[in-house]
Structures are given as structure tokens and as C-alpha cells.
Amino acid sequence: MELTTADYLAILRRRAAVVIAVLALTVMIVVAMAAKSESTFSATSEVLVTPIIDPVSNTPNVAKRDTLVNLGTEQRLATSLVVAEAVRAELEIDDLSARELRNRVFAVQVPETELLRISYRDDNPDVAKERAALWGQTFLDLRRERAAESRREVTDLIEDDIDVAVARLAELNATIADARLGSTERFNAEAQREATVSDLQILQNNLVKVKTASLDPGAVVTTPQNANEQKSFGTKQMFVLIMVGGVGALALALLVERLDRRVRGEADLAGTGVEVLGVLPRTRADAVAANRLRNVLSRGGAIPRSVLVTGDDTRGTAIVGSQLGRALASAGVSTLLVSANPEASELERLFGLTPSAGLAEAVNGSVDSDSVIDAVDGAGPLSVLPSGDAGAWRPGLLARPSATRLLDRVAAAYDTVVYVVPSVLSNTTALDLAGRAESVLLVVGHKDANSDRIAEAAAEFERVGVHATGAVLVTRK
């Protein structure tokens, strides 16, 4: 069955205690975590990362280098162990390892720029500012060192090429100076010398460019002026935890509602297949409600000659039986209420009866049935047949032929007989009398009854070929 908004609101009202308890627990946890929360401070410096351009990118034997900055690579370099080791050495930090230092740093790229934001976290705001500023500068120093090393490598390559060119030029000069060289060989040698001289000049120019090229790695453009306080359990975490607690409270309320099989109203009996015929109060007589129940039972045009009233709620069963009996009698229907629950004589108490004998003794033949039937004063044609002494009852008492003859004879003297019996799930009396009943009423105690047991009771009657007419809900008010 699909739940509406009104259904959800009703569930929340019923399960308010669950929701409040979960929310209260959530708030207590939030307060406790906030109290134990430790403050950390984060300071941030901004670093401009500039490309280091290779001044001889077209020189033979020198690979062309990328002139664009890859901020992803630079970001990882900025938070590397190499930088952490350098910072640790610079500040002579002994209480933290390089890895622990690195874990306190994070770097992010500023979109559409060549800037990195490098932040450092520490319990001390001054330490956070100092190390954030130093970290950015140390990162740039590392870039400068890498560029210088690269320049040394390029310089070595160019100088090697110059040495080769000088040696080649000396060799060509010696060849040209040989008087025995033919004209063609001399011409070729001179052409090679000119080419070698040209290459040598280019190499020497490139060597000058490399040695004088700027190795600008960038700059720290913003140093931290203050450190922002951050709670290990801050407002955002509080909000998230409270939201989770709220959702958990609602989910738990729905789960409890689903698992709770108690009957709180007619809607809770919808899944049992048993129709609710009426509602009667537990604490007072309600003639209007009882008359309505009587009319429902006679909606076929005739009042049933026998009605079986049964349920787990012993007092509720007696209330339904007594009020139905009074409603029938008020309409001029001569009615006999038969109490068949010796373990709990609630029906007798409702009428103020204290009999010494009753149905059990009449079936056993120790008393005459007429002598134990009590007429109810001021209630019209209404009489009560008490259950009798519990010690006189035996299993299957009302299934005996003598009980059948007795009840047939007694019933013949009344328009309607109402049997008030224990639950069919706990006693065989209901099944012993089920065949005599034209209507079977299942009494449901408000919030005390279990909807599953109501369905089981109805199924138990179906098993012996008797259909439960419906249920009567007994409320606490």
C-alpha cells in the first residue's frame, strides 16, 4: 500500500519518541565531538610558476624542451618528499619526518593561471605561516636547481660538439695544406672546412646563450599574512552529522512502524482481511456504538440467532459481549449471554454476578441450567449464563453431546444467544462453539492486539469452515 503524506505525518506523530530519541542522541554526539574537536591553522602562499625556456632548442643534438608549464606536474613536485626534505633541513625540524611534513601540505591549481596555492596546516598559526611561505620558496629553488642541472647538461653537450668541430677543422686544415692533394679533393676539403667553421660558430653562439640564459623558476607572489583556524569537527561536519541523524531518525521511525504489528486503528487491520464492524470504548458504555454494531450484524435483514465473541483481550471480549447483549435487549430481542471463559469471569463482573455454579456444572449435570441463568435487572429481556467453577471445566467440555443438548435447549428459549469465549488461538472452546454461531466477532484490544494474531485467528476459523464476520476494536477511552 502506497503511503500518502498524511500517512507519513501520522507515523511521525506515533513514533515521535523514536525520532526525538535519535535526534537527542545525535545532538549529544555532535556536542561531544565538538567539545573534543582540536583547532588547526592553515596558511597559504601563492606561487607563480614560469616556464624555463631552452634558448638553444634548435641546436643539433639537443632535444627540444616543452616551453609550457604543466601545473599538474608542478603541483605534484610542490608536495613531493624532495621539497619536504629540503624544508625539514632548512628549518632543522626534528619532531616530524619528511613524510609527516608532506602530509600537512596540499597544493591546488588556480584555474586559468600559472599559479599554485600551497597551504600548510599546523596547531600553531605562526608555524603554519612560516612553513607555508618557506615551502613555496623551497619549491621554486628546487625548480631553479633542476633548470641549472639541465643547463649544465646542455652546456656539456654543446662543448662536446665544439671539441668535435675543432678537431674536424684541424683535420681539414691539415688536409688542405698537403701539396699532393688534387684540385677536386682540395675543393671538397675547403667546402667542408667552411661548413665546419659555420657549425662551430653556431655552437659557440649557442654556448654563450645557454650560459647567459635566465633560470627564472617563478616567484612567491603572495605570502601568508594570517592563518585560518580550522576545527577537526567544524560547522560543516556538525551540519552533515545532524542531517544524517535526522534521516536516520525518520528511517528508524518507518522501520519501527513496519515491524510494529500492534493495532492502533482500523487501518492496521487492513492487511488481515478482516472487516472492522464497530468500535467500542473500554472505560464506559456507549449505547450508540453498541446499537450501531447491532445494526451492522442485522444488515441482512435479520438479527443472527447466535453470535460468537472471541479475542485475546479478555476484558475487551466481555465488554463487547455485554454491550452487544444490552443493545439487542434494548431492541426487544430476548438475549442470553453465555460466559465460556472460566479462567477470567469478566462478563460476570461487568454485571455484578458472583455465581457459585454455571455452565460447567449444568453440562456435568450437577445443576439445572435454568437455576443458574440470571436475568439482568433493568436491561430488558437480557439474561446471563455464567461460566461456572473453573475446577468443573475439562478439555472439550462444550464438545460433549450433553453440552450440545443443553445449549440447544437453552437457545430455543431466546431470540439470540451471544457466546463470550477465549481466543481461538489459546483455547479450543471457540472452535467447539464455532459451528453454532451465525456470526463470529473477533475482538481487538486497542494497542494491545497484534494484527498478525487477528489474521491467524480468522484463518483458524476458516480451517473449520467458519467465516469470521468481522472485528470489533475496543479503544482505551
Protein backbone atom coordinates (compact mmCIF):
# COMPACT_ATOMS: atom_id res chain seq x y z
CA MET A 1 0.00 0.00 0.00
CA GLU A 2 1.39 3.37 -1.06
CA LEU A 3 1.72 5.83 1.78
CA THR A 4 0.47 9.40 1.43
CA THR A 5 1.92 12.50 3.06
CA ALA A 6 -0.80 12.29 5.70
CA ASP A 7 0.23 8.68 6.42
CA TYR A 8 3.86 9.72 6.89
CA LEU A 9 2.85 12.54 9.22
CA ALA A 10 0.69 10.14 11.23
CA ILE A 11 3.62 7.72 11.51
CA LEU A 12 5.89 10.52 12.73
CA ARG A 13 3.33 11.53 15.36
CA ARG A 14 3.07 7.95 16.58
CA ARG A 15 6.83 7.46 16.53
CA ALA A 16 7.70 10.90 17.90
CA ALA A 17 9.52 9.29 20.84
CA VAL A 18 11.80 7.36 18.46
CA VAL A 19 12.53 10.44 16.35
CA ILE A 20 13.18 12.62 19.40
CA ALA A 21 15.42 9.98 20.99
CA VAL A 22 17.56 9.58 17.85
CA LEU A 23 17.82 13.34 17.34
CA ALA A 24 18.71 13.85 21.01
CA LEU A 25 21.40 11.19 20.73
CA THR A 26 22.69 12.84 17.55
CA VAL A 27 22.88 16.23 19.26
CA MET A 28 24.71 14.70 22.21
CA ILE A 29 27.24 13.11 19.87
CA VAL A 30 27.67 16.41 17.99
CA VAL A 31 28.21 18.31 21.24
CA ALA A 32 30.70 15.71 22.50
CA MET A 33 32.65 15.70 19.24
CA ALA A 34 32.64 19.49 19.09
CA ALA A 35 33.95 19.65 22.66
CA LYS A 36 36.80 17.29 21.81
CA SER A 37 37.48 18.96 18.47
CA GLU A 38 41.02 20.30 18.08
CA SER A 39 41.87 23.52 16.24
CA THR A 40 44.36 23.57 13.40
CA PHE A 41 45.53 26.57 11.41
CA SER A 42 46.04 26.72 7.68
CA ALA A 43 48.26 29.31 5.97
CA THR A 44 48.54 29.69 2.20
CA SER A 45 51.12 31.19 -0.16
CA GLU A 46 50.65 31.70 -3.90
CA VAL A 47 53.48 30.79 -6.26
CA LEU A 48 53.81 31.89 -9.89
CA VAL A 49 55.31 29.03 -11.90
CA THR A 50 57.01 30.34 -15.04
CA PRO A 51 58.25 28.25 -17.96
CA ILE A 52 62.01 27.85 -18.24
CA ILE A 53 62.67 28.29 -21.98
CA ASP A 54 65.53 26.46 -23.71
CA PRO A 55 67.49 29.13 -25.59
CA VAL A 56 69.01 26.55 -27.99
CA SER A 57 66.03 24.38 -28.74
CA ASN A 58 67.00 24.18 -32.42
CA THR A 59 70.61 23.21 -31.73
CA PRO A 60 71.59 19.82 -33.18
CA ASN A 61 71.91 17.02 -30.60
CA VAL A 62 69.82 18.98 -28.06
CA ALA A 63 66.25 17.75 -27.56
CA LYS A 64 63.59 20.44 -27.72
CA ARG A 65 62.06 21.12 -24.30
CA ASP A 66 58.41 21.95 -23.60
CA THR A 67 58.08 25.70 -23.09
CA LEU A 68 54.65 25.45 -21.39
CA VAL A 69 54.10 24.86 -17.69
CA ASN A 70 52.32 21.63 -16.77
CA LEU A 71 50.76 22.67 -13.47
CA GLY A 72 49.72 19.09 -12.72
CA THR A 73 53.37 18.05 -12.70
CA GLU A 74 54.41 21.14 -10.77
CA GLN A 75 51.65 20.50 -8.20
CA ARG A 76 52.98 17.03 -7.50
CA LEU A 77 56.53 18.34 -7.34
CA ALA A 78 55.48 21.02 -4.84
CA THR A 79 54.14 18.36 -2.45
CA SER A 80 56.92 15.84 -3.03
CA LEU A 81 59.20 14.32 -0.43
CA VAL A 82 62.15 16.09 -2.06
CA VAL A 83 60.71 19.51 -1.16
CA ALA A 84 59.69 18.20 2.27
CA GLU A 85 63.25 17.03 2.95
CA ALA A 86 64.62 20.41 1.92
CA VAL A 87 62.19 22.29 4.20
CA ARG A 88 62.96 19.94 7.07
CA ALA A 89 66.68 20.52 6.64
CA GLU A 90 66.28 24.29 6.28
CA LEU A 91 64.26 24.62 9.49
CA GLU A 92 66.13 21.85 11.32
CA ILE A 93 62.87 20.09 12.18
CA ASP A 94 63.44 17.02 14.34
CA ASP A 95 59.95 16.20 15.64
CA LEU A 96 58.44 15.46 12.22
CA SER A 97 59.65 13.24 9.41
CA ALA A 98 59.65 14.42 5.80
CA ARG A 99 56.63 12.24 5.12
CA GLU A 100 54.74 13.73 8.08
CA LEU A 101 55.60 17.22 6.85
CA ARG A 102 54.37 16.38 3.38
CA ASN A 103 51.07 15.11 4.80
CA ARG A 104 50.46 18.59 6.24
CA VAL A 105 50.80 20.29 2.86
CA PHE A 106 48.40 20.47 -0.03
CA ALA A 107 48.65 22.37 -3.31
CA VAL A 108 45.89 23.36 -5.70
CA GLN A 109 45.93 24.99 -9.11
CA VAL A 110 44.32 28.38 -9.58
CA PRO A 111 42.12 27.94 -12.68
CA GLU A 112 43.24 29.63 -15.92
CA THR A 113 46.51 30.86 -14.37
CA GLU A 114 50.04 29.61 -13.78
CA LEU A 115 49.60 29.95 -10.03
CA LEU A 116 49.78 27.27 -7.35
CA ARG A 117 48.27 27.76 -3.90
CA ILE A 118 50.42 25.95 -1.36
CA SER A 119 48.91 25.55 2.10
CA TYR A 120 50.39 24.21 5.32
CA ARG A 121 48.43 23.04 8.40
CA ASP A 122 49.71 23.18 11.97
CA ASP A 123 48.45 23.57 15.52
CA ASN A 124 50.44 26.81 15.76
CA PRO A 125 49.33 29.63 13.41
CA ASP A 126 52.83 31.18 13.30
CA VAL A 127 54.39 27.86 12.35
CA ALA A 128 51.76 27.41 9.64
CA LYS A 129 52.57 30.83 8.14
CA GLU A 130 56.33 30.32 8.30
CA ARG A 131 56.29 26.91 6.70
CA ALA A 132 53.74 27.85 4.01
CA ALA A 133 55.98 30.73 2.89
CA LEU A 134 59.16 28.65 3.05
CA TRP A 135 57.56 25.75 1.23
CA GLY A 136 56.74 27.90 -1.79
CA GLN A 137 60.25 29.32 -1.94
CA THR A 138 61.84 25.89 -1.48
CA PHE A 139 59.75 24.55 -4.34
CA LEU A 140 60.99 27.38 -6.59
CA ASP A 141 64.57 26.75 -5.50
CA LEU A 142 64.18 23.13 -6.50
CA ARG A 143 62.88 24.18 -9.93
CA ARG A 144 65.90 26.51 -10.29
CA GLU A 145 68.28 23.67 -9.36
CA ARG A 146 66.63 21.38 -11.89
CA ALA A 147 66.94 24.07 -14.57
CA ALA A 148 70.61 24.67 -13.68
CA GLU A 149 71.30 20.96 -13.89
CA SER A 150 69.58 20.85 -17.26
CA ARG A 151 71.71 23.81 -18.40
CA ARG A 152 74.88 22.01 -17.33
CA GLU A 153 73.82 19.01 -19.36
CA VAL A 154 73.15 21.15 -22.44
CA THR A 155 76.44 23.02 -21.92
CA ASP A 156 78.35 19.73 -21.79
CA LEU A 157 76.67 18.59 -25.00
CA ILE A 158 77.49 21.82 -26.82
CA GLU A 159 81.09 21.82 -25.57
CA ASP A 160 81.48 18.22 -26.74
CA ASP A 161 80.17 19.24 -30.15
CA ILE A 162 82.59 22.21 -30.20
CA ASP A 163 85.52 19.88 -29.42
CA VAL A 164 84.47 17.61 -32.25
CA ALA A 165 84.12 20.58 -34.62
CA VAL A 166 87.57 22.00 -33.64
CA ALA A 167 89.21 18.61 -34.17
CA ARG A 168 87.46 18.25 -37.50
CA LEU A 169 88.56 21.75 -38.53
CA ALA A 170 92.19 20.96 -37.63
CA GLU A 171 91.99 17.80 -39.66
CA LEU A 172 90.60 19.64 -42.68
CA ASN A 173 93.25 22.38 -42.44
CA ALA A 174 95.96 19.72 -42.44
CA THR A 175 94.41 18.07 -45.46
CA ILE A 176 94.19 21.32 -47.42
CA ALA A 177 97.85 22.16 -46.56
CA ASP A 178 99.02 18.92 -48.23
CA ALA A 179 100.66 19.88 -51.55
CA ARG A 180 99.97 16.50 -53.01
CA LEU A 181 96.17 16.99 -52.78
CA GLY A 182 94.42 17.11 -56.09
CA SER A 183 92.24 20.03 -57.13
CA THR A 184 88.97 18.16 -56.70
CA GLU A 185 89.90 16.82 -53.25
CA ARG A 186 91.10 20.30 -52.23
CA PHE A 187 87.85 21.86 -53.37
CA ASN A 188 85.81 19.34 -51.34
CA ALA A 189 88.01 19.79 -48.29
CA GLU A 190 87.68 23.57 -48.40
CA ALA A 191 83.90 23.28 -48.70
CA GLN A 192 83.79 21.00 -45.66
CA ARG A 193 86.04 23.42 -43.75
CA GLU A 194 83.67 26.31 -44.46
CA ALA A 195 80.71 24.22 -43.26
CA THR A 196 82.59 23.16 -40.15
CA VAL A 197 83.57 26.76 -39.39
CA SER A 198 79.93 27.76 -39.74
CA ASP A 199 78.80 24.95 -37.40
CA LEU A 200 81.49 25.85 -34.92
CA GLN A 201 80.37 29.48 -34.88
CA ILE A 202 76.75 28.41 -34.27
CA LEU A 203 77.82 26.12 -31.43
CA GLN A 204 79.89 28.86 -29.81
CA ASN A 205 76.99 31.32 -30.07
CA ASN A 206 74.62 28.75 -28.55
CA LEU A 207 77.06 28.08 -25.75
CA VAL A 208 77.05 31.77 -24.89
CA LYS A 209 73.23 31.82 -24.97
CA VAL A 210 72.97 28.82 -22.69
CA LYS A 211 75.47 30.15 -20.17
CA THR A 212 73.83 33.56 -20.01
CA ALA A 213 70.19 32.40 -20.17
CA SER A 214 67.98 33.34 -17.25
CA LEU A 215 66.88 30.48 -14.98
CA ASP A 216 63.82 32.19 -13.51
CA PRO A 217 61.63 29.43 -11.94
CA GLY A 218 58.88 31.83 -10.84
CA ALA A 219 58.16 33.75 -7.68
CA VAL A 220 56.22 33.67 -4.44
CA VAL A 221 53.61 36.31 -5.27
CA THR A 222 51.60 36.07 -2.03
CA THR A 223 52.95 35.24 1.40
CA PRO A 224 50.56 34.27 4.19
CA GLN A 225 49.65 37.19 6.42
CA ASN A 226 47.42 35.13 8.70
CA ALA A 227 46.38 31.57 9.33
CA ASN A 228 42.80 30.43 9.15
CA GLU A 229 41.55 28.39 12.07
CA GLN A 230 40.00 25.06 11.16
CA LYS A 231 38.21 22.72 13.51
CA SER A 232 38.72 18.99 13.10
CA PHE A 233 34.97 18.84 13.70
CA GLY A 234 33.56 22.09 12.41
CA THR A 235 30.22 23.56 11.42
CA LYS A 236 30.06 21.63 8.16
CA GLN A 237 30.67 18.33 9.88
CA MET A 238 28.09 19.23 12.53
CA PHE A 239 25.50 20.00 9.86
CA VAL A 240 26.21 16.78 7.98
CA LEU A 241 26.02 14.68 11.15
CA ILE A 242 22.76 16.31 12.22
CA MET A 243 21.31 15.73 8.75
CA VAL A 244 22.40 12.10 8.87
CA GLY A 245 20.84 11.80 12.34
CA GLY A 246 17.60 13.31 11.07
CA VAL A 247 17.42 10.96 8.11
CA GLY A 248 18.32 8.05 10.40
CA ALA A 249 15.56 9.07 12.83
CA LEU A 250 12.98 9.12 10.05
CA ALA A 251 14.20 5.80 8.64
CA LEU A 252 14.14 4.19 12.10
CA ALA A 253 10.63 5.53 12.71
CA LEU A 254 9.43 3.96 9.45
CA LEU A 255 11.21 0.69 10.28
CA VAL A 256 9.69 0.53 13.77
CA GLU A 257 6.31 1.29 12.26
CA ARG A 258 6.72 -1.51 9.75
CA LEU A 259 7.82 -4.03 12.37
CA ASP A 260 5.21 -2.97 14.92
CA ARG A 261 2.18 -5.21 14.41
CA ARG A 262 0.09 -3.67 17.18
CA VAL A 263 -3.37 -2.45 16.25
CA ARG A 264 -3.85 1.27 16.75
CA GLY A 265 -6.81 1.78 14.48
CA GLU A 266 -8.89 0.36 11.68
CA ALA A 267 -6.13 0.95 9.13
CA ASP A 268 -3.87 -1.55 10.93
CA LEU A 269 -6.39 -4.32 10.24
CA ALA A 270 -6.49 -3.61 6.52
CA GLY A 271 -3.96 -6.33 5.74
CA THR A 272 -5.66 -9.03 7.81
CA GLY A 273 -8.66 -9.45 5.53
CA VAL A 274 -11.00 -8.91 8.49
CA GLU A 275 -13.61 -6.17 8.20
CA VAL A 276 -13.97 -3.75 11.12
CA LEU A 277 -17.62 -3.79 12.14
CA GLY A 278 -17.50 -1.36 15.04
CA VAL A 279 -15.55 0.48 17.72
CA LEU A 280 -16.44 0.35 21.41
CA PRO A 281 -14.81 2.15 24.36
CA ARG A 282 -13.21 0.16 27.16
CA THR A 283 -13.94 2.50 30.04
CA ARG A 284 -17.63 3.32 29.55
CA ALA A 285 -20.82 2.03 28.00
CA ASP A 286 -21.57 3.51 24.59
CA ALA A 287 -25.13 2.68 23.65
CA VAL A 288 -24.86 4.44 20.30
CA ALA A 289 -21.80 2.45 19.25
CA ALA A 290 -23.35 -0.79 20.54
CA ASN A 291 -26.60 -0.14 18.65
CA ARG A 292 -24.55 0.56 15.54
CA LEU A 293 -22.83 -2.81 15.94
CA ARG A 294 -26.19 -4.50 16.41
CA ASN A 295 -27.46 -2.89 13.22
CA VAL A 296 -24.39 -3.99 11.31
CA LEU A 297 -24.94 -7.59 12.37
CA SER A 298 -28.56 -7.40 11.22
CA ARG A 299 -27.83 -5.65 7.93
CA GLY A 300 -29.02 -8.78 6.09
CA GLY A 301 -32.49 -8.12 7.41
CA ALA A 302 -32.50 -10.45 10.40
CA ILE A 303 -30.66 -10.47 13.68
CA PRO A 304 -28.45 -13.58 13.92
CA ARG A 305 -29.70 -16.19 16.38
CA SER A 306 -26.20 -16.86 17.69
CA VAL A 307 -23.10 -14.72 17.92
CA LEU A 308 -19.60 -15.86 18.98
CA VAL A 309 -17.47 -13.14 20.58
CA THR A 310 -13.78 -14.07 20.98
CA GLY A 311 -10.36 -12.48 21.28
CA ASP A 312 -7.05 -12.21 23.18
CA ASP A 313 -8.34 -9.24 25.14
CA THR A 314 -10.40 -10.97 27.84
CA ARG A 315 -11.92 -7.80 29.28
CA GLY A 316 -12.48 -6.34 25.82
CA THR A 317 -14.28 -9.53 24.79
CA ALA A 318 -16.55 -9.28 27.84
CA ILE A 319 -17.24 -5.58 27.10
CA VAL A 320 -18.23 -6.30 23.51
CA GLY A 321 -20.44 -9.21 24.60
CA SER A 322 -22.16 -7.24 27.35
CA GLN A 323 -22.76 -4.08 25.28
CA LEU A 324 -23.97 -6.08 22.29
CA GLY A 325 -26.33 -8.01 24.62
CA ARG A 326 -27.72 -4.78 26.04
CA ALA A 327 -28.16 -3.31 22.55
CA LEU A 328 -30.06 -6.40 21.40
CA ALA A 329 -32.25 -6.42 24.51
CA SER A 330 -33.00 -2.70 24.12
CA ALA A 331 -34.45 -3.53 20.70
CA GLY A 332 -36.75 -6.12 22.30
CA VAL A 333 -34.62 -9.10 21.30
CA SER A 334 -34.56 -11.66 24.10
CA THR A 335 -30.87 -12.33 24.54
CA LEU A 336 -28.80 -14.81 26.54
CA LEU A 337 -25.16 -14.08 27.25
CA VAL A 338 -23.18 -17.29 27.74
CA SER A 339 -19.88 -16.90 29.54
CA ALA A 340 -17.49 -19.65 28.47
CA ASN A 341 -14.23 -18.38 29.97
CA PRO A 342 -13.87 -19.80 33.49
CA GLU A 343 -10.30 -18.54 33.87
CA ALA A 344 -11.42 -14.91 33.73
CA SER A 345 -15.03 -14.20 34.69
CA GLU A 346 -15.02 -10.68 33.28
CA LEU A 347 -18.55 -10.92 31.93
CA GLU A 348 -19.93 -11.86 35.34
CA ARG A 349 -18.08 -8.96 36.97
CA LEU A 350 -19.49 -6.49 34.50
CA PHE A 351 -22.99 -7.46 35.64
CA GLY A 352 -22.05 -7.76 39.31
CA LEU A 353 -22.67 -11.51 39.44
CA THR A 354 -20.97 -13.89 41.89
CA PRO A 355 -22.48 -17.25 40.98
CA SER A 356 -21.49 -20.46 42.70
CA ALA A 357 -22.31 -22.56 39.64
CA GLY A 358 -22.88 -22.10 35.95
CA LEU A 359 -22.44 -23.62 32.51
CA ALA A 360 -19.82 -26.19 33.51
CA GLU A 361 -21.96 -27.60 36.31
CA ALA A 362 -25.05 -27.65 34.05
CA VAL A 363 -23.18 -29.62 31.37
CA ASN A 364 -21.84 -32.01 34.01
CA GLY A 365 -25.44 -32.48 35.26
CA SER A 366 -24.84 -31.31 38.82
CA VAL A 367 -27.26 -28.37 38.47
CA ASP A 368 -30.21 -27.48 36.31
CA SER A 369 -29.38 -24.85 33.66
CA ASP A 370 -32.46 -22.77 34.47
CA SER A 371 -31.31 -22.41 38.07
CA VAL A 372 -28.01 -20.77 37.10
CA ILE A 373 -29.29 -18.35 34.45
CA ASP A 374 -29.54 -14.82 35.91
CA ALA A 375 -31.83 -12.20 34.45
CA VAL A 376 -30.25 -8.73 34.29
CA ASP A 377 -32.36 -6.15 36.10
CA GLY A 378 -33.32 -3.08 34.11
CA ALA A 379 -31.81 -4.34 30.87
CA GLY A 380 -34.91 -5.71 29.16
CA PRO A 381 -35.01 -9.31 28.02
CA LEU A 382 -31.37 -9.96 28.85
CA SER A 383 -30.02 -12.91 30.84
CA VAL A 384 -26.56 -14.26 31.67
CA LEU A 385 -25.42 -17.88 31.92
CA PRO A 386 -22.19 -17.79 33.99
CA SER A 387 -19.24 -20.00 33.13
CA GLY A 388 -19.24 -21.80 36.46
CA ASP A 389 -16.39 -23.00 38.63
CA ALA A 390 -13.06 -23.31 36.78
CA GLY A 391 -12.45 -26.62 38.51
CA ALA A 392 -15.54 -28.11 36.82
CA TRP A 393 -14.20 -27.38 33.34
CA ARG A 394 -12.45 -30.10 31.37
CA PRO A 395 -10.86 -30.00 27.90
CA GLY A 396 -13.54 -30.40 25.24
CA LEU A 397 -16.34 -29.82 27.77
CA LEU A 398 -18.55 -27.98 25.27
CA ALA A 399 -17.88 -30.57 22.56
CA ARG A 400 -19.72 -33.25 24.57
CA PRO A 401 -23.17 -34.38 23.38
CA SER A 402 -24.60 -33.32 26.74
CA ALA A 403 -23.32 -29.80 26.14
CA THR A 404 -24.87 -29.78 22.67
CA ARG A 405 -28.27 -30.84 24.00
CA LEU A 406 -28.10 -28.32 26.84
CA LEU A 407 -27.18 -25.41 24.58
CA ASP A 408 -29.84 -26.38 22.01
CA ARG A 409 -32.48 -26.40 24.70
CA VAL A 410 -31.35 -23.13 26.25
CA ALA A 411 -31.05 -21.38 22.85
CA ALA A 412 -34.60 -22.33 21.96
CA ALA A 413 -35.85 -20.07 24.75
CA TYR A 414 -34.18 -16.91 23.37
CA ASP A 415 -34.11 -14.95 20.14
CA THR A 416 -30.32 -14.61 20.19
CA VAL A 417 -27.51 -16.27 22.15
CA VAL A 418 -24.18 -14.44 22.49
CA TYR A 419 -21.23 -16.68 23.43
CA VAL A 420 -18.30 -14.91 25.09
CA VAL A 421 -15.25 -17.18 24.76
CA PRO A 422 -11.41 -17.05 24.94
CA SER A 423 -9.21 -16.60 21.90
CA VAL A 424 -9.33 -19.38 19.33
CA LEU A 425 -5.51 -19.36 19.37
CA SER A 426 -5.24 -20.22 23.05
CA ASN A 427 -8.32 -22.34 23.77
CA THR A 428 -10.44 -24.91 21.94
CA THR A 429 -13.73 -23.54 23.32
CA ALA A 430 -14.14 -21.11 20.41
CA LEU A 431 -13.82 -23.95 17.89
CA ASP A 432 -16.17 -26.15 19.95
CA LEU A 433 -18.85 -23.45 19.65
CA ALA A 434 -17.98 -22.15 16.17
CA GLY A 435 -20.43 -24.47 14.46
CA ARG A 436 -23.32 -22.99 16.46
CA ALA A 437 -22.55 -19.37 15.56
CA GLU A 438 -24.14 -17.47 12.70
CA SER A 439 -21.76 -14.56 13.31
CA VAL A 440 -18.20 -14.57 14.67
CA LEU A 441 -16.77 -11.36 16.10
CA LEU A 442 -13.00 -11.03 16.68
CA VAL A 443 -12.35 -8.55 19.47
CA VAL A 444 -9.26 -6.38 19.02
CA GLY A 445 -7.82 -4.58 22.02
CA HIS A 446 -6.51 -1.11 21.04
CA LYS A 447 -2.66 -1.14 21.02
CA ASP A 448 -2.69 -4.48 22.86
CA ALA A 449 -3.65 -6.63 19.88
CA ASN A 450 -1.34 -7.92 17.20
CA SER A 451 -2.61 -7.73 13.64
CA ASP A 452 -0.84 -10.98 12.77
CA ARG A 453 -2.73 -12.81 15.52
CA ILE A 454 -6.02 -11.40 14.22
CA ALA A 455 -5.23 -12.80 10.79
CA GLU A 456 -4.22 -16.14 12.36
CA ALA A 457 -7.48 -16.28 14.34
CA ALA A 458 -9.54 -15.65 11.22
CA ALA A 459 -7.59 -18.35 9.40
CA GLU A 460 -8.17 -20.78 12.27
CA PHE A 461 -11.95 -20.36 11.92
CA GLU A 462 -11.67 -20.74 8.14
CA ARG A 463 -9.86 -24.02 8.73
CA VAL A 464 -13.02 -25.49 10.29
CA GLY A 465 -15.29 -23.93 7.68
CA VAL A 466 -16.44 -20.91 9.68
CA HIS A 467 -16.01 -17.38 8.33
CA ALA A 468 -15.20 -14.61 10.77
CA THR A 469 -17.87 -11.96 10.28
CA GLY A 470 -15.59 -9.12 11.31
CA ALA A 471 -13.67 -7.39 14.06
CA VAL A 472 -14.68 -5.03 16.85
CA LEU A 473 -12.00 -2.59 18.03
CA VAL A 474 -12.02 -1.81 21.75
CA THR A 475 -10.37 1.53 22.44
CA ARG A 476 -8.84 2.63 25.75
CA LYS A 477 -11.09 5.64 26.09
